[in-house]
Protein backbone atom coordinates (compact mmCIF):
# COMPACT_ATOMS: atom_id res chain seq x y z
CA MET A 1 -119.11 -41.10 136.47
CA ARG A 2 -115.61 -38.79 137.77
CA LYS A 3 -113.92 -41.96 138.12
CA SER A 4 -114.18 -43.11 134.35
CA SER A 5 -113.85 -39.42 133.88
CA PHE A 6 -109.75 -39.50 135.29
CA LEU A 7 -109.37 -42.51 133.33
CA ILE A 8 -110.33 -41.73 130.14
CA TRP A 9 -108.39 -38.45 129.96
CA PRO A 10 -104.69 -40.03 130.11
CA ILE A 11 -105.74 -42.37 127.86
CA VAL A 12 -106.56 -39.87 125.45
CA ALA A 13 -103.61 -37.90 126.36
CA GLY A 14 -101.64 -41.42 125.74
CA VAL A 15 -102.91 -41.68 121.94
CA LEU A 16 -102.27 -38.21 120.85
CA ALA A 17 -98.89 -38.34 121.79
CA ALA A 18 -98.46 -41.66 120.13
CA ILE A 19 -99.45 -39.67 117.44
CA VAL A 20 -97.99 -36.76 116.84
CA ILE A 21 -94.18 -38.83 117.70
CA LEU A 22 -95.57 -41.34 114.65
CA GLN A 23 -95.86 -38.07 112.45
CA LEU A 24 -92.25 -36.53 113.27
CA PHE A 25 -90.34 -40.16 113.25
CA PRO A 26 -92.54 -42.13 111.02
CA ASP A 27 -89.10 -44.90 110.02
CA LEU A 28 -90.45 -46.01 113.93
CA LEU A 29 -92.66 -48.81 112.25
CA SER A 30 -91.13 -49.39 109.32
CA PRO A 31 -87.98 -52.06 109.88
CA GLN A 32 -84.29 -51.00 109.51
CA ILE A 33 -82.57 -51.03 106.06
CA ASN A 34 -79.44 -50.41 105.18
CA THR A 35 -79.12 -48.56 102.41
CA VAL A 36 -76.10 -47.25 100.10
CA GLU A 37 -75.49 -43.10 98.84
CA ILE A 38 -74.50 -42.39 95.54
CA ARG A 39 -74.19 -39.19 94.11
CA GLU A 40 -74.88 -38.95 90.21
CA ALA A 41 -73.54 -35.88 88.57
CA PRO A 42 -76.32 -33.07 87.13
CA VAL A 43 -75.78 -34.01 84.10
CA ASN A 44 -75.63 -29.90 82.57
CA GLU A 45 -72.73 -30.61 84.80
CA ARG A 46 -70.15 -33.23 83.38
CA PRO A 47 -68.16 -31.86 81.42
CA ALA A 48 -68.46 -31.22 77.61
CA SER A 49 -66.31 -31.85 74.29
CA SER A 50 -65.54 -30.04 71.38
CA LEU A 51 -66.32 -31.97 68.31
CA GLY A 52 -63.40 -33.80 67.42
CA GLU A 53 -61.57 -34.14 70.76
CA GLY A 54 -62.31 -35.76 74.27
CA PRO A 55 -64.26 -39.03 74.77
CA VAL A 56 -66.88 -38.16 71.82
CA SER A 57 -64.18 -38.10 68.75
CA TYR A 58 -60.42 -38.58 68.18
CA SER A 59 -61.05 -38.07 65.04
CA ALA A 60 -59.39 -34.82 64.68
CA ALA A 61 -55.82 -36.94 66.45
CA VAL A 62 -56.20 -39.51 63.81
CA GLU A 63 -56.03 -36.91 60.40
CA LYS A 64 -52.96 -35.39 62.96
CA ALA A 65 -51.22 -38.38 62.83
CA ALA A 66 -52.52 -40.94 60.48
CA PRO A 67 -51.18 -38.93 56.97
CA ALA A 68 -47.61 -39.68 58.87
CA VAL A 69 -48.01 -43.31 59.18
CA VAL A 70 -46.97 -45.43 55.70
CA ASN A 71 -47.43 -49.38 54.62
CA ILE A 72 -44.39 -51.27 54.37
CA TYR A 73 -44.48 -54.15 52.27
CA THR A 74 -41.17 -55.89 51.63
CA ARG A 75 -39.27 -59.02 48.94
CA THR A 76 -36.64 -61.27 49.91
CA LEU A 77 -35.12 -63.79 47.25
CA VAL A 78 -34.44 -67.38 48.90
CA LYS A 79 -32.51 -69.25 46.99
CA GLN A 80 -33.45 -73.40 47.09
CA GLN A 81 -32.22 -76.51 45.60
CA ALA A 82 -34.52 -77.94 43.62
CA ASN A 83 -34.61 -81.54 44.91
CA PRO A 84 -34.83 -82.03 48.77
CA LEU A 85 -32.77 -85.28 48.23
CA LEU A 86 -29.35 -82.69 47.88
CA GLU A 87 -29.17 -82.82 51.22
CA ASP A 88 -29.05 -86.35 51.47
CA PRO A 89 -25.07 -87.54 52.47
CA PHE A 90 -27.06 -91.47 50.66
CA PHE A 91 -28.01 -89.96 47.45
CA ARG A 92 -25.39 -87.13 47.61
CA ARG A 93 -22.85 -90.67 47.34
CA PHE A 94 -24.80 -92.10 43.95
CA PHE A 95 -25.95 -89.22 41.66
CA ASP A 96 -24.38 -86.04 40.66
CA PHE A 97 -26.57 -82.91 41.50
CA GLY A 98 -23.33 -80.32 41.44
CA ASN A 99 -25.06 -78.59 37.75
CA ARG A 100 -28.70 -78.86 38.72
CA PRO A 101 -30.74 -75.85 38.72
CA GLN A 102 -31.49 -74.01 41.61
CA ARG A 103 -34.67 -72.72 41.82
CA ASP A 104 -35.83 -69.40 43.65
CA ARG A 105 -38.38 -68.45 46.05
CA ILE A 106 -39.80 -65.01 46.71
CA GLU A 107 -41.01 -64.43 50.58
CA SER A 108 -43.01 -61.50 51.00
CA SER A 109 -44.25 -59.63 54.59
CA LEU A 110 -45.69 -56.98 55.41
CA GLY A 111 -45.87 -53.79 57.96
CA SER A 112 -46.13 -50.23 59.40
CA GLY A 113 -43.78 -47.23 59.84
CA VAL A 114 -44.24 -43.80 60.73
CA LEU A 115 -42.68 -40.72 58.72
CA LEU A 116 -40.91 -38.42 61.66
CA SER A 117 -39.09 -35.97 59.09
CA HIS A 118 -40.55 -34.09 56.14
CA GLN A 119 -36.82 -34.88 54.58
CA GLY A 120 -38.24 -39.09 54.23
CA TYR A 121 -36.98 -39.91 56.66
CA ILE A 122 -38.91 -43.27 58.24
CA VAL A 123 -38.43 -45.44 61.81
CA THR A 124 -39.56 -48.74 61.61
CA ASN A 125 -39.46 -52.41 63.84
CA ASN A 126 -36.64 -54.12 62.61
CA HIS A 127 -38.21 -57.03 62.10
CA VAL A 128 -40.38 -55.68 59.48
CA ILE A 129 -37.11 -54.89 57.57
CA ALA A 130 -34.21 -57.74 58.68
CA GLY A 131 -32.91 -59.45 55.33
CA ALA A 132 -35.45 -58.02 52.75
CA ASP A 133 -34.22 -57.29 49.23
CA ASP A 134 -36.66 -54.91 48.10
CA VAL A 135 -38.60 -52.61 50.46
CA LEU A 136 -41.44 -51.10 48.89
CA VAL A 137 -43.57 -47.69 50.74
CA ALA A 138 -47.06 -46.51 50.33
CA LEU A 139 -48.61 -43.54 52.21
CA ARG A 140 -51.95 -42.44 52.88
CA ASP A 141 -52.22 -40.50 49.94
CA GLY A 142 -51.81 -43.56 47.61
CA ARG A 143 -47.98 -43.11 46.60
CA GLU A 144 -45.25 -45.25 46.51
CA ALA A 145 -42.00 -45.22 46.51
CA ARG A 146 -38.81 -47.69 47.04
CA ALA A 147 -37.19 -47.27 50.59
CA THR A 148 -33.05 -46.85 51.79
CA VAL A 149 -31.98 -48.64 54.77
CA ILE A 150 -30.03 -46.12 56.67
CA GLY A 151 -29.27 -48.53 59.15
CA THR A 152 -30.63 -50.73 62.07
CA ASP A 153 -30.46 -51.63 65.87
CA PRO A 154 -31.78 -55.19 66.55
CA GLU A 155 -30.83 -54.47 69.86
CA THR A 156 -33.73 -52.01 69.73
CA ASP A 157 -35.15 -53.73 67.14
CA LEU A 158 -35.87 -50.40 65.37
CA ALA A 159 -34.25 -49.26 61.25
CA VAL A 160 -34.79 -46.42 60.10
CA LEU A 161 -35.75 -45.71 56.56
CA LYS A 162 -35.16 -43.30 53.31
CA ILE A 163 -37.38 -42.20 51.09
CA ASP A 164 -37.67 -39.90 47.96
CA LEU A 165 -40.62 -37.74 47.75
CA PRO A 166 -41.53 -34.31 47.71
CA ASP A 167 -43.87 -32.44 49.93
CA LEU A 168 -43.81 -35.84 52.64
CA PRO A 169 -46.33 -35.73 56.05
CA SER A 170 -44.46 -36.19 59.15
CA ILE A 171 -45.78 -36.86 62.94
CA GLU A 172 -44.89 -34.34 65.97
CA LEU A 173 -43.16 -36.21 68.60
CA ALA A 174 -44.59 -35.70 72.29
CA SER A 175 -42.16 -36.62 75.30
CA SER A 176 -42.78 -40.52 76.15
CA GLU A 177 -41.40 -39.45 79.94
CA THR A 178 -44.58 -37.46 81.00
CA LEU A 179 -47.04 -40.90 80.44
CA ARG A 180 -48.91 -42.16 82.73
CA VAL A 181 -50.78 -45.79 82.86
CA GLY A 182 -54.29 -44.13 82.02
CA ASP A 183 -53.70 -41.97 79.39
CA VAL A 184 -55.81 -42.62 76.04
CA VAL A 185 -53.58 -43.36 73.04
CA LEU A 186 -54.65 -45.11 69.86
CA ALA A 187 -52.58 -46.70 67.72
CA ILE A 188 -52.46 -47.09 63.83
CA GLY A 189 -50.99 -49.46 61.63
CA ASN A 190 -51.78 -51.83 59.04
CA PRO A 191 -52.82 -55.29 60.38
CA PHE A 192 -52.57 -58.02 58.39
CA GLY A 193 -52.30 -55.67 55.38
CA VAL A 194 -56.19 -54.79 55.22
CA GLY A 195 -55.26 -51.20 55.25
CA GLN A 196 -54.28 -48.42 57.44
CA THR A 197 -56.82 -49.02 61.36
CA VAL A 198 -56.88 -47.51 63.49
CA THR A 199 -57.49 -48.67 67.65
CA MET A 200 -57.85 -47.22 70.82
CA GLY A 201 -56.82 -48.06 74.10
CA ILE A 202 -54.46 -46.56 77.41
CA ILE A 203 -51.70 -47.17 78.92
CA SER A 204 -51.96 -50.28 80.66
CA ALA A 205 -47.97 -49.29 82.18
CA THR A 206 -45.16 -47.97 81.65
CA GLY A 207 -41.13 -48.88 81.93
CA ARG A 208 -41.72 -52.48 81.12
CA ASN A 209 -38.56 -54.72 80.76
CA SER A 210 -36.62 -58.41 81.28
CA LEU A 211 -39.56 -60.02 78.53
CA GLY A 212 -36.76 -61.16 76.19
CA LEU A 213 -37.56 -59.30 73.55
CA ASN A 214 -34.89 -57.22 72.62
CA THR A 215 -31.37 -56.54 74.79
CA TYR A 216 -32.70 -52.86 75.55
CA GLU A 217 -36.70 -52.96 77.11
CA ASP A 218 -38.41 -49.97 77.98
CA PHE A 219 -41.27 -50.71 76.24
CA ILE A 220 -44.85 -48.67 76.93
CA GLN A 221 -47.01 -50.92 76.78
CA THR A 222 -50.85 -50.76 76.66
CA ASP A 223 -54.21 -52.78 75.79
CA ALA A 224 -55.24 -50.78 72.09
CA ALA A 225 -55.17 -53.81 70.12
CA ILE A 226 -51.86 -54.60 68.17
CA ASN A 227 -51.79 -57.26 65.52
CA PRO A 228 -49.54 -58.63 63.05
CA GLY A 229 -49.23 -56.35 60.44
CA ASN A 230 -49.18 -53.15 62.95
CA SER A 231 -45.29 -53.60 63.59
CA GLY A 232 -43.56 -50.46 63.28
CA GLY A 233 -46.74 -48.70 62.91
CA ALA A 234 -47.93 -45.38 65.91
CA LEU A 235 -48.79 -45.18 69.38
CA ILE A 236 -50.48 -41.13 69.44
CA ASP A 237 -52.43 -39.56 72.47
CA ALA A 238 -55.43 -38.32 72.20
CA TYR A 239 -53.64 -35.04 70.61
CA GLY A 240 -51.89 -36.81 67.80
CA ASN A 241 -48.53 -37.00 68.73
CA LEU A 242 -46.14 -39.88 68.33
CA ILE A 243 -45.43 -40.96 72.32
CA GLY A 244 -44.18 -44.62 70.39
CA ILE A 245 -43.40 -47.24 68.00
CA ASN A 246 -45.84 -50.35 68.02
CA SER A 247 -43.29 -53.37 68.39
CA ALA A 248 -44.91 -56.33 70.23
CA ILE A 249 -48.06 -57.90 71.34
CA PHE A 250 -48.53 -60.96 73.77
CA SER A 251 -49.95 -63.11 72.95
CA LYS A 252 -51.34 -66.97 72.74
CA SER A 253 -53.23 -66.98 69.45
CA GLY A 254 -51.31 -64.91 66.95
CA GLY A 255 -53.84 -62.32 67.64
CA SER A 256 -54.46 -59.02 70.47
CA GLN A 257 -55.46 -60.29 73.11
CA GLY A 258 -55.08 -57.27 75.34
CA ILE A 259 -51.14 -56.56 75.96
CA GLY A 260 -48.89 -54.79 73.46
CA PHE A 261 -45.92 -53.41 73.78
CA ALA A 262 -44.56 -49.77 71.56
CA ILE A 263 -40.90 -48.79 71.76
CA PRO A 264 -41.44 -44.68 73.50
CA SER A 265 -40.77 -42.17 71.57
CA ASN A 266 -37.38 -40.55 73.00
CA LEU A 267 -35.59 -43.70 72.33
CA ALA A 268 -36.90 -43.69 68.49
CA ARG A 269 -35.48 -40.00 68.18
CA GLN A 270 -32.20 -41.08 69.50
CA ILE A 271 -32.04 -43.78 67.19
CA LEU A 272 -32.54 -41.65 64.27
CA GLN A 273 -30.62 -39.24 64.99
CA ASP A 274 -27.17 -41.72 65.95
CA LEU A 275 -28.26 -43.94 62.51
CA VAL A 276 -28.64 -40.84 60.32
CA GLU A 277 -25.75 -38.51 61.73
CA HIS A 278 -23.23 -41.57 62.83
CA GLN A 279 -24.50 -44.55 60.90
CA ARG A 280 -24.42 -46.34 63.91
CA VAL A 281 -26.32 -45.68 67.47
CA ILE A 282 -24.34 -45.10 70.21
CA ARG A 283 -24.20 -46.01 74.02
CA GLY A 284 -22.35 -45.36 77.02
CA TRP A 285 -20.34 -47.77 78.68
CA ILE A 286 -18.62 -48.41 81.68
CA GLY A 287 -16.97 -51.79 81.25
CA VAL A 288 -18.71 -54.13 84.06
CA GLU A 289 -20.04 -57.00 83.76
CA VAL A 290 -22.47 -57.75 86.83
CA GLN A 291 -24.74 -60.19 88.40
CA GLU A 292 -27.58 -60.33 90.46
CA LEU A 293 -27.61 -59.91 94.10
CA THR A 294 -29.96 -62.38 95.48
CA PRO A 295 -31.18 -63.06 98.80
CA ARG A 296 -28.40 -65.99 99.69
CA LEU A 297 -25.58 -63.79 97.95
CA ALA A 298 -27.11 -60.79 100.39
CA GLU A 299 -26.71 -62.80 103.73
CA SER A 300 -22.61 -63.53 102.06
CA PHE A 301 -22.12 -60.46 101.82
CA GLY A 302 -23.42 -59.69 105.36
CA LEU A 303 -26.48 -57.39 104.10
CA ASP A 304 -29.71 -57.32 105.52
CA GLU A 305 -31.59 -56.71 101.82
CA ALA A 306 -30.55 -57.61 98.52
CA ARG A 307 -30.78 -54.59 96.73
CA GLY A 308 -27.84 -53.98 94.33
CA LEU A 309 -25.64 -55.97 91.26
CA ILE A 310 -22.07 -56.91 91.97
CA ILE A 311 -19.23 -56.50 89.86
CA ALA A 312 -18.20 -59.78 88.67
CA GLY A 313 -15.83 -58.69 86.37
CA ILE A 314 -13.72 -55.32 85.10
CA PHE A 315 -12.45 -54.08 81.31
CA ARG A 316 -9.16 -53.88 81.76
CA ASP A 317 -8.70 -49.48 80.86
CA GLY A 318 -12.30 -49.61 80.26
CA PRO A 319 -13.97 -46.88 82.37
CA ALA A 320 -15.08 -48.58 85.61
CA HIS A 321 -11.46 -50.44 86.03
CA LEU A 322 -9.85 -46.64 85.32
CA ALA A 323 -12.14 -45.11 88.23
CA GLY A 324 -10.58 -47.59 90.65
CA LEU A 325 -13.87 -49.72 90.99
CA GLN A 326 -13.17 -53.53 91.07
CA PRO A 327 -14.85 -56.92 91.12
CA GLY A 328 -16.50 -57.91 94.30
CA ASP A 329 -17.48 -54.45 94.30
CA ILE A 330 -21.58 -53.93 94.75
CA MET A 331 -23.56 -51.18 92.81
CA THR A 332 -26.30 -49.66 94.68
CA ALA A 333 -27.03 -46.85 93.11
CA ILE A 334 -25.74 -44.86 89.51
CA GLY A 335 -25.93 -41.96 88.98
CA GLY A 336 -28.19 -41.17 92.01
CA VAL A 337 -30.85 -44.22 91.02
CA GLU A 338 -30.91 -46.54 93.29
CA VAL A 339 -30.43 -50.29 90.90
CA GLU A 340 -33.18 -52.69 90.49
CA ASP A 341 -32.09 -54.79 88.56
CA SER A 342 -29.33 -55.23 85.91
CA ARG A 343 -31.57 -55.20 82.47
CA SER A 344 -32.14 -51.42 83.71
CA SER A 345 -29.12 -50.47 84.70
CA MET A 346 -27.96 -51.19 82.15
CA ASN A 347 -30.75 -48.92 80.05
CA GLN A 348 -29.85 -46.00 82.25
CA ILE A 349 -25.76 -45.85 81.27
CA ALA A 350 -26.39 -47.30 77.50
CA ALA A 351 -28.41 -43.99 78.07
CA LEU A 352 -25.46 -41.79 78.53
CA ARG A 353 -23.11 -40.84 75.86
CA PRO A 354 -19.20 -40.69 76.08
CA GLY A 355 -18.15 -38.14 77.90
CA ASP A 356 -20.38 -38.09 80.63
CA ALA A 357 -19.51 -38.37 84.08
CA ILE A 358 -21.58 -40.43 86.52
CA ASP A 359 -21.15 -40.96 89.85
CA VAL A 360 -21.29 -44.64 90.80
CA GLU A 361 -22.59 -45.99 94.83
CA ILE A 362 -20.61 -48.85 96.08
CA LEU A 363 -20.33 -50.85 98.59
CA ARG A 364 -16.62 -52.09 99.01
CA ASN A 365 -16.08 -54.35 102.36
CA GLY A 366 -18.88 -53.39 103.77
CA LYS A 367 -18.11 -49.64 103.41
CA ALA A 368 -20.10 -47.24 101.48
CA MET A 369 -18.11 -45.32 98.76
CA ARG A 370 -18.92 -43.00 95.65
CA LEU A 371 -16.46 -42.87 92.30
CA ASN A 372 -16.94 -40.77 89.59
CA VAL A 373 -17.00 -43.12 86.23
CA GLN A 374 -16.33 -41.65 82.80
CA VAL A 375 -18.99 -42.41 80.59
CA GLY A 376 -17.17 -44.23 77.57
CA GLU A 377 -18.77 -45.98 74.28
CA ARG A 378 -20.21 -49.61 74.31
CA PRO A 379 -18.05 -51.33 72.31
CA PRO A 380 -19.34 -53.21 69.45
CA GLN A 381 -18.40 -56.40 70.99
CA GLN A 382 -19.79 -55.97 74.48
CA GLU A 383 -23.41 -55.42 73.46
CA GLU A 384 -24.52 -58.82 74.80
CA ARG A 385 -21.84 -58.61 77.76
CA GLU A 386 -22.61 -55.82 80.30
CA ARG A 387 -26.13 -57.93 80.31
């Protein structure tokens, strides 16, 4: 009996110890499972939005900007001959069509524009009104007016119109320099002629160039739907301020595919002021022809990396020539900004005003140099040569 009691107590103690351990560590009997911890934000700590602002609604921004966005209708008179055989040299030998009447054909198109001044100045795309004989502007409040073309700038695809009506609305401009990828934007225009329409998206990228659309490209890319008829309309921020002029879409179908481009508001402001005040666009110019520095060319120059632009030609008595630049020099920085490609550098120089002084850093025979160049005004005939 004593022997059996001696054996029972250790067993009872072990069972009791096992029960205590299982109570304290219940996971010992459960299989090991990987878990992920997700922190849910409490409902009462989510950002609150006032009516008309933020994620609830952008109606306040639209109400602020939409009155200054106009619809543009153009008419172009196209003269065409009544008989297509007039263009055939064979039939011209046997028939005299010289006095046959010609039939006129009217082509119409539509687009959008933005009132940037209560004086009636409207900025739109040049391709919206190019070649038009008659331009009609329709406001959101129902008023209409014939527009006068103040000036055009095909290099940026911008044009300035003017209408004469009392009490005109105008949009407020925000600096396009402060834009960030991910900012909410709204596109306002007249797509397909259905009437004023608002679409929403974000800024997908800034500083887009080398697209082959314009000579000077510094586009804002957005996924806000931009369709035919939106051209020249407003791209606004979430507060109703203009940040860009809708210009183009990248599409294989002709409709929006989430890749649209707008011209920054800072550039639109400059073009407007130049065309109104000087009847032309004033751009900086230093008078050089450049070539991209490829890896093979960099190797031939004894450089470790292909960074810079080779000066292939100098315009005699131009700003670069007077400053001492020579063909064969490699520009590495302009105004303290490292050279990336020819188009970006051209845009940078064009944004300067005649008379400005700018430092140009170059490599000449492997030696680094810095020259100060007095910027001149780009002659119109040189627009394509400094690309």
